[in-house]
Protein backbone atom coordinates (compact mmCIF):
# COMPACT_ATOMS: atom_id res chain seq x y z
CA MET A 1 -23.53 12.12 -2.07
CA SER A 2 -26.08 12.85 0.65
CA ALA A 3 -29.82 12.76 -0.03
CA GLU A 4 -30.08 16.45 0.90
CA ARG A 5 -27.35 17.39 -1.56
CA GLN A 6 -29.16 15.46 -4.31
CA LEU A 7 -32.37 17.41 -3.65
CA LEU A 8 -30.50 20.71 -3.71
CA GLU A 9 -28.79 19.82 -6.97
CA ARG A 10 -32.13 18.99 -8.60
CA ILE A 11 -33.39 22.43 -7.61
CA TRP A 12 -30.20 24.15 -8.79
CA ARG A 13 -30.51 22.45 -12.21
CA GLU A 14 -34.07 23.71 -12.60
CA VAL A 15 -33.13 27.26 -11.60
CA ALA A 16 -30.17 27.21 -13.98
CA ALA A 17 -32.55 26.24 -16.82
CA ILE A 18 -34.75 29.35 -16.49
CA PRO A 19 -34.14 31.32 -19.69
CA ARG A 20 -33.11 34.96 -19.67
CA GLY A 21 -36.15 37.25 -19.62
CA CYS A 22 -38.35 34.60 -17.99
CA VAL A 23 -39.27 33.83 -14.41
CA ALA A 24 -40.42 30.79 -12.48
CA THR A 25 -42.10 30.52 -9.11
CA TYR A 26 -40.65 28.76 -6.10
CA GLY A 27 -43.48 26.23 -6.33
CA GLY A 28 -42.96 25.74 -10.05
CA ILE A 29 -39.29 24.98 -9.52
CA ALA A 30 -40.18 22.50 -6.76
CA ARG A 31 -42.65 20.71 -9.04
CA ARG A 32 -40.22 20.57 -11.96
CA ALA A 33 -37.57 19.15 -9.62
CA GLY A 34 -40.04 16.42 -8.60
CA LEU A 35 -40.48 17.82 -5.12
CA GLY A 36 -44.20 18.53 -5.18
CA ARG A 37 -45.21 21.44 -2.98
CA ARG A 38 -41.84 22.07 -1.33
CA ALA A 39 -41.47 25.70 -2.42
CA ARG A 40 -39.72 26.64 0.82
CA LEU A 41 -37.01 24.12 0.06
CA VAL A 42 -36.36 26.04 -3.17
CA GLY A 43 -35.81 29.22 -1.16
CA TYR A 44 -33.42 27.35 1.12
CA ALA A 45 -31.57 25.84 -1.86
CA LEU A 46 -31.02 29.31 -3.32
CA LYS A 47 -29.80 30.61 0.02
CA VAL A 48 -27.17 27.88 0.39
CA ALA A 49 -26.18 27.61 -3.28
CA PRO A 50 -22.45 27.99 -3.87
CA ALA A 51 -21.67 31.30 -5.58
CA ALA A 52 -19.56 29.37 -8.11
CA LEU A 53 -22.80 27.98 -9.60
CA ARG A 54 -23.74 31.50 -10.75
CA LEU A 55 -27.43 30.62 -10.60
CA PRO A 56 -29.96 33.09 -12.02
CA TRP A 57 -31.66 33.27 -8.59
CA HIS A 58 -33.23 36.59 -9.54
CA ARG A 59 -35.54 34.77 -11.98
CA VAL A 60 -37.38 33.02 -9.13
CA VAL A 61 -40.41 34.86 -7.74
CA ASN A 62 -43.34 34.00 -5.50
CA ALA A 63 -46.68 32.59 -6.65
CA ARG A 64 -48.15 36.10 -7.04
CA GLY A 65 -45.37 37.02 -9.48
CA ALA A 66 -43.75 39.32 -6.93
CA ILE A 67 -40.29 39.53 -5.43
CA SER A 68 -40.23 37.87 -2.02
CA PHE A 69 -37.55 40.05 -0.45
CA PRO A 70 -38.96 42.92 1.64
CA ASP A 71 -39.79 45.99 -0.42
CA GLY A 72 -37.09 48.58 0.07
CA SER A 73 -34.38 46.04 0.93
CA ALA A 74 -31.10 45.88 -0.97
CA GLN A 75 -31.93 42.34 -2.13
CA HIS A 76 -35.31 43.45 -3.49
CA ALA A 77 -33.71 46.33 -5.39
CA LEU A 78 -31.03 44.04 -6.84
CA GLN A 79 -33.53 41.42 -8.00
CA HIS A 80 -35.82 44.08 -9.47
CA ARG A 81 -32.92 45.71 -11.32
CA ARG A 82 -31.67 42.39 -12.74
CA LEU A 83 -35.12 41.41 -13.98
CA LEU A 84 -35.67 44.81 -15.60
CA ARG A 85 -32.29 44.49 -17.31
CA GLU A 86 -33.49 41.19 -18.84
CA GLY A 87 -36.67 42.79 -20.16
CA VAL A 88 -39.07 41.55 -17.48
CA ARG A 89 -41.68 44.21 -16.74
CA PHE A 90 -43.61 44.83 -13.55
CA ARG A 91 -47.12 46.17 -13.12
CA ALA A 92 -48.06 47.26 -9.61
CA GLY A 93 -45.06 45.36 -8.25
CA ARG A 94 -45.92 42.09 -9.95
CA ILE A 95 -44.79 40.17 -13.02
CA ASP A 96 -47.40 38.76 -15.39
CA LEU A 97 -46.67 35.04 -15.14
CA GLY A 98 -48.73 34.45 -18.28
CA ILE A 99 -46.17 36.44 -20.27
CA TYR A 100 -42.89 35.85 -18.48
CA GLY A 101 -43.38 32.37 -17.07
CA SER A 102 -45.60 30.35 -14.81
CA ALA A 103 -45.39 27.71 -12.11
CA GLU A 104 -46.70 25.03 -14.48
CA ALA A 105 -44.83 26.03 -17.64
CA ASP A 106 -42.43 23.51 -19.03
CA LEU A 107 -39.09 24.45 -20.53
CA ASP A 108 -40.41 24.30 -24.12
CA ALA A 109 -43.12 26.83 -23.28
CA LEU A 110 -40.61 29.11 -21.58
CA LEU A 111 -38.25 28.96 -24.55
CA TRP A 112 -40.61 29.13 -27.51
CA ARG A 113 -43.76 31.06 -26.60
CA PRO A 114 -44.05 34.54 -28.15
CA ARG A 115 -42.07 37.19 -26.30
CA PRO A 116 -43.63 40.49 -25.24
CA PRO A 117 -42.72 43.59 -27.28
C-alpha cells in the first residue's frame, strides 16, 4: 500500500468515527490522524474518498464551526440539511463547537459529554 493511501485511510477512519449529531474540524481530524496541521489534506481525502466508504463527510466543518462550501451552493445546502437532520443547530451560520464537537475533543468527549436539549 502506498504512503499516500495510508495517510488517506487514517483520515477516513477518523471521519468515520465522528458520532451522529457531532462535528469535527478539518484540523481536528488531521491532529487525531497524527498529521499535525494538515487540515487541507483532510479536505482532499474527503474529496477522493470512495463512495463505498459512506463516510459522514457532512460532520466535518471548518475551524470557525461553519460549512466550507460556498453559501448558496448545492453542497452547502446538502451539508446543512444533513447536520440539521442529526440535531446539530446553527447560530448565525455557525455551529457551537463547545456543544457539538471541537478540534481538540477526543472520541470519549464526543461520545459521552452531555447533549444539548
